[in-house]
Amino acid sequence: MVVHSVEKKHLCQECGFSTSHASTFKFHQRNHNGQLMKCEVVLGCKFQTTRKSNLLQNQLTHSKDKPHQCEVCGRSFSLAKTI
């Protein structure tokens, strides 16, 4: 089983990062080859990521839509995890 394995088959030759997961290694490689996704929703946002899911979450923070509300203070947020 890969999850419980301590063997890390994927080693980055540039920085020494290692992982047992091919997908994690693929995303890591984007840091070195310049394939970072950048936020283009708001001028001046400097957010960059290797994962599309992280980019989509960042874009939600720029939205005026804030569907998640704190039950204690009533303040609203674009992401549930920021409550």
N, C-alpha and C. Protein backbone atom coordinates (compact mmCIF):
# COMPACT_ATOMS: atom_id res chain seq x y z
N MET A 1 0.83 -1.19 0.00
CA MET A 1 0.00 0.00 0.00
C MET A 1 0.87 1.25 0.00
N VAL A 2 0.58 2.17 -0.88
CA VAL A 2 1.36 3.40 -1.01
C VAL A 2 1.20 4.29 0.21
N VAL A 3 0.02 4.35 0.78
CA VAL A 3 -0.26 5.27 1.89
C VAL A 3 0.65 4.99 3.08
N HIS A 4 0.87 3.72 3.39
CA HIS A 4 1.65 3.37 4.57
C HIS A 4 3.11 3.07 4.24
N SER A 5 3.49 3.23 3.00
CA SER A 5 4.86 2.98 2.59
C SER A 5 5.75 4.16 2.96
N VAL A 6 6.95 3.86 3.44
CA VAL A 6 7.90 4.93 3.73
C VAL A 6 8.82 5.16 2.54
N GLU A 7 8.72 4.28 1.55
CA GLU A 7 9.55 4.42 0.35
C GLU A 7 9.03 5.57 -0.50
N LYS A 8 9.91 6.48 -0.84
CA LYS A 8 9.54 7.62 -1.67
C LYS A 8 10.24 7.47 -3.01
N LYS A 9 9.48 6.99 -3.99
CA LYS A 9 10.05 6.64 -5.30
C LYS A 9 10.35 7.84 -6.18
N HIS A 10 9.71 8.97 -5.92
CA HIS A 10 9.84 10.14 -6.79
C HIS A 10 10.72 11.18 -6.11
N LEU A 11 11.89 11.43 -6.69
CA LEU A 11 12.86 12.36 -6.12
C LEU A 11 13.13 13.49 -7.10
N CYS A 12 12.97 14.72 -6.64
CA CYS A 12 13.24 15.89 -7.46
C CYS A 12 14.75 16.11 -7.53
N GLN A 13 15.28 16.15 -8.73
CA GLN A 13 16.71 16.34 -8.94
C GLN A 13 17.14 17.78 -8.69
N GLU A 14 16.19 18.71 -8.72
CA GLU A 14 16.53 20.13 -8.54
C GLU A 14 16.63 20.56 -7.08
N CYS A 15 15.73 20.01 -6.22
CA CYS A 15 15.72 20.50 -4.84
C CYS A 15 15.75 19.40 -3.78
N GLY A 16 15.64 18.14 -4.18
CA GLY A 16 15.68 17.05 -3.22
C GLY A 16 14.34 16.65 -2.64
N PHE A 17 13.26 17.31 -3.03
CA PHE A 17 11.93 16.93 -2.57
C PHE A 17 11.65 15.50 -3.00
N SER A 18 11.01 14.71 -2.12
CA SER A 18 10.67 13.35 -2.49
C SER A 18 9.28 13.00 -2.00
N THR A 19 8.61 12.11 -2.72
CA THR A 19 7.27 11.68 -2.37
C THR A 19 7.02 10.28 -2.93
N SER A 20 6.07 9.60 -2.37
CA SER A 20 5.70 8.28 -2.87
C SER A 20 4.56 8.37 -3.89
N HIS A 21 4.01 9.55 -4.07
CA HIS A 21 2.87 9.73 -4.96
C HIS A 21 3.27 10.43 -6.26
N ALA A 22 2.98 9.81 -7.39
CA ALA A 22 3.33 10.38 -8.69
C ALA A 22 2.61 11.71 -8.92
N SER A 23 1.35 11.79 -8.51
CA SER A 23 0.59 13.03 -8.75
C SER A 23 1.16 14.20 -7.94
N THR A 24 1.56 13.95 -6.71
CA THR A 24 2.17 15.00 -5.89
C THR A 24 3.47 15.47 -6.52
N PHE A 25 4.24 14.53 -7.05
CA PHE A 25 5.51 14.87 -7.69
C PHE A 25 5.27 15.71 -8.95
N LYS A 26 4.23 15.36 -9.71
CA LYS A 26 3.90 16.11 -10.92
C LYS A 26 3.58 17.57 -10.58
N PHE A 27 2.78 17.77 -9.53
CA PHE A 27 2.44 19.13 -9.12
C PHE A 27 3.68 19.86 -8.60
N HIS A 28 4.55 19.17 -7.89
CA HIS A 28 5.78 19.78 -7.39
C HIS A 28 6.66 20.26 -8.54
N GLN A 29 6.76 19.49 -9.59
CA GLN A 29 7.59 19.84 -10.74
C GLN A 29 7.17 21.15 -11.38
N ARG A 30 5.89 21.48 -11.27
CA ARG A 30 5.40 22.74 -11.84
C ARG A 30 6.06 23.95 -11.19
N ASN A 31 6.51 23.82 -9.95
CA ASN A 31 7.23 24.91 -9.28
C ASN A 31 8.53 25.23 -10.01
N HIS A 32 9.16 24.23 -10.57
CA HIS A 32 10.46 24.41 -11.21
C HIS A 32 10.36 24.77 -12.69
N ASN A 33 9.31 24.30 -13.36
CA ASN A 33 9.23 24.54 -14.80
C ASN A 33 8.34 25.72 -15.17
N GLY A 34 7.90 26.48 -14.19
CA GLY A 34 7.15 27.70 -14.47
C GLY A 34 5.69 27.51 -14.84
N GLN A 35 5.12 26.35 -14.56
CA GLN A 35 3.73 26.09 -14.91
C GLN A 35 2.78 26.43 -13.76
N LEU A 36 3.02 27.55 -13.11
CA LEU A 36 2.14 27.97 -12.03
C LEU A 36 0.92 28.67 -12.59
N MET A 37 -0.23 28.39 -12.01
CA MET A 37 -1.46 29.07 -12.40
C MET A 37 -1.56 30.34 -11.57
N LYS A 38 -1.98 31.42 -12.21
CA LYS A 38 -2.04 32.72 -11.54
C LYS A 38 -3.47 33.24 -11.54
N CYS A 39 -3.81 33.94 -10.48
CA CYS A 39 -5.13 34.55 -10.36
C CYS A 39 -5.18 35.76 -11.30
N GLU A 40 -6.20 35.77 -12.14
CA GLU A 40 -6.39 36.89 -13.06
C GLU A 40 -7.74 37.56 -12.86
N VAL A 41 -8.38 37.26 -11.73
CA VAL A 41 -9.70 37.81 -11.43
C VAL A 41 -9.60 39.27 -11.00
N VAL A 42 -8.60 39.56 -10.16
CA VAL A 42 -8.43 40.90 -9.62
C VAL A 42 -7.03 41.39 -9.96
N LEU A 43 -6.97 42.58 -10.51
CA LEU A 43 -5.68 43.19 -10.83
C LEU A 43 -4.89 43.38 -9.53
N GLY A 44 -3.67 42.90 -9.53
CA GLY A 44 -2.82 43.05 -8.36
C GLY A 44 -2.77 41.84 -7.45
N CYS A 45 -3.63 40.84 -7.68
CA CYS A 45 -3.57 39.62 -6.87
C CYS A 45 -2.33 38.84 -7.27
N LYS A 46 -1.52 38.50 -6.31
CA LYS A 46 -0.25 37.83 -6.59
C LYS A 46 -0.32 36.32 -6.35
N PHE A 47 -1.52 35.77 -6.13
CA PHE A 47 -1.67 34.35 -5.83
C PHE A 47 -1.23 33.49 -7.00
N GLN A 48 -0.42 32.46 -6.70
CA GLN A 48 0.03 31.49 -7.69
C GLN A 48 -0.05 30.10 -7.07
N THR A 49 -0.36 29.10 -7.86
CA THR A 49 -0.47 27.74 -7.35
C THR A 49 -0.20 26.72 -8.45
N THR A 50 0.06 25.51 -8.04
CA THR A 50 0.25 24.42 -9.00
C THR A 50 -1.04 23.64 -9.19
N ARG A 51 -2.03 23.87 -8.34
CA ARG A 51 -3.28 23.09 -8.38
C ARG A 51 -4.48 23.98 -8.74
N LYS A 52 -5.28 23.48 -9.67
CA LYS A 52 -6.46 24.21 -10.12
C LYS A 52 -7.46 24.42 -8.98
N SER A 53 -7.61 23.43 -8.11
CA SER A 53 -8.56 23.55 -7.00
C SER A 53 -8.19 24.72 -6.08
N ASN A 54 -6.90 24.93 -5.86
CA ASN A 54 -6.46 26.06 -5.03
C ASN A 54 -6.73 27.39 -5.73
N LEU A 55 -6.56 27.42 -7.04
CA LEU A 55 -6.84 28.63 -7.80
C LEU A 55 -8.33 28.98 -7.73
N LEU A 56 -9.18 27.97 -7.86
CA LEU A 56 -10.63 28.20 -7.80
C LEU A 56 -11.04 28.73 -6.42
N GLN A 57 -10.43 28.20 -5.36
CA GLN A 57 -10.73 28.70 -4.02
C GLN A 57 -10.29 30.15 -3.87
N ASN A 58 -9.13 30.49 -4.40
CA ASN A 58 -8.66 31.88 -4.34
C ASN A 58 -9.61 32.80 -5.08
N GLN A 59 -10.09 32.36 -6.23
CA GLN A 59 -10.99 33.19 -7.02
C GLN A 59 -12.29 33.45 -6.27
N LEU A 60 -12.74 32.49 -5.47
CA LEU A 60 -13.95 32.69 -4.67
C LEU A 60 -13.76 33.79 -3.63
N THR A 61 -12.54 33.95 -3.13
CA THR A 61 -12.30 35.00 -2.13
C THR A 61 -12.48 36.39 -2.72
N HIS A 62 -12.39 36.52 -4.03
CA HIS A 62 -12.58 37.82 -4.69
C HIS A 62 -14.04 38.09 -5.03
N SER A 63 -14.87 37.07 -4.89
CA SER A 63 -16.29 37.17 -5.24
C SER A 63 -17.04 37.96 -4.17
N LYS A 64 -18.07 38.65 -4.58
CA LYS A 64 -18.93 39.34 -3.63
C LYS A 64 -19.93 38.37 -3.01
N ASP A 65 -20.07 37.19 -3.60
CA ASP A 65 -20.97 36.16 -3.10
C ASP A 65 -20.35 35.53 -1.85
N LYS A 66 -21.05 35.62 -0.72
CA LYS A 66 -20.56 35.07 0.54
C LYS A 66 -21.68 34.24 1.18
N PRO A 67 -21.82 33.00 0.71
CA PRO A 67 -22.94 32.16 1.15
C PRO A 67 -22.78 31.51 2.53
N HIS A 68 -21.61 31.58 3.14
CA HIS A 68 -21.36 30.92 4.42
C HIS A 68 -21.37 31.94 5.55
N GLN A 69 -22.31 31.76 6.49
CA GLN A 69 -22.49 32.75 7.55
C GLN A 69 -22.17 32.15 8.92
N CYS A 70 -21.47 32.91 9.75
CA CYS A 70 -21.15 32.51 11.12
C CYS A 70 -22.42 32.57 11.96
N GLU A 71 -22.69 31.49 12.67
CA GLU A 71 -23.89 31.43 13.51
C GLU A 71 -23.77 32.31 14.76
N VAL A 72 -22.56 32.65 15.15
CA VAL A 72 -22.34 33.44 16.36
C VAL A 72 -22.43 34.94 16.09
N CYS A 73 -21.66 35.41 15.11
CA CYS A 73 -21.60 36.87 14.88
C CYS A 73 -22.37 37.34 13.65
N GLY A 74 -22.77 36.40 12.77
CA GLY A 74 -23.53 36.77 11.59
C GLY A 74 -22.70 37.20 10.40
N ARG A 75 -21.38 37.26 10.56
CA ARG A 75 -20.50 37.67 9.46
C ARG A 75 -20.51 36.60 8.37
N SER A 76 -20.42 37.02 7.11
CA SER A 76 -20.49 36.09 5.98
C SER A 76 -19.13 35.94 5.30
N PHE A 77 -18.91 34.75 4.72
CA PHE A 77 -17.64 34.42 4.10
C PHE A 77 -17.87 33.70 2.77
N SER A 78 -16.90 33.83 1.87
CA SER A 78 -17.01 33.17 0.57
C SER A 78 -16.65 31.69 0.67
N LEU A 79 -15.77 31.32 1.61
CA LEU A 79 -15.37 29.93 1.82
C LEU A 79 -15.80 29.45 3.20
N ALA A 80 -16.36 28.26 3.27
CA ALA A 80 -16.81 27.72 4.55
C ALA A 80 -15.66 27.54 5.53
N LYS A 81 -14.48 27.23 5.01
CA LYS A 81 -13.34 26.97 5.90
C LYS A 81 -12.82 28.23 6.61
N THR A 82 -13.26 29.40 6.18
CA THR A 82 -12.80 30.63 6.83
C THR A 82 -13.72 31.11 7.94
N ILE A 83 -14.78 30.37 8.20
CA ILE A 83 -15.70 30.74 9.29
C ILE A 83 -15.00 30.52 10.62
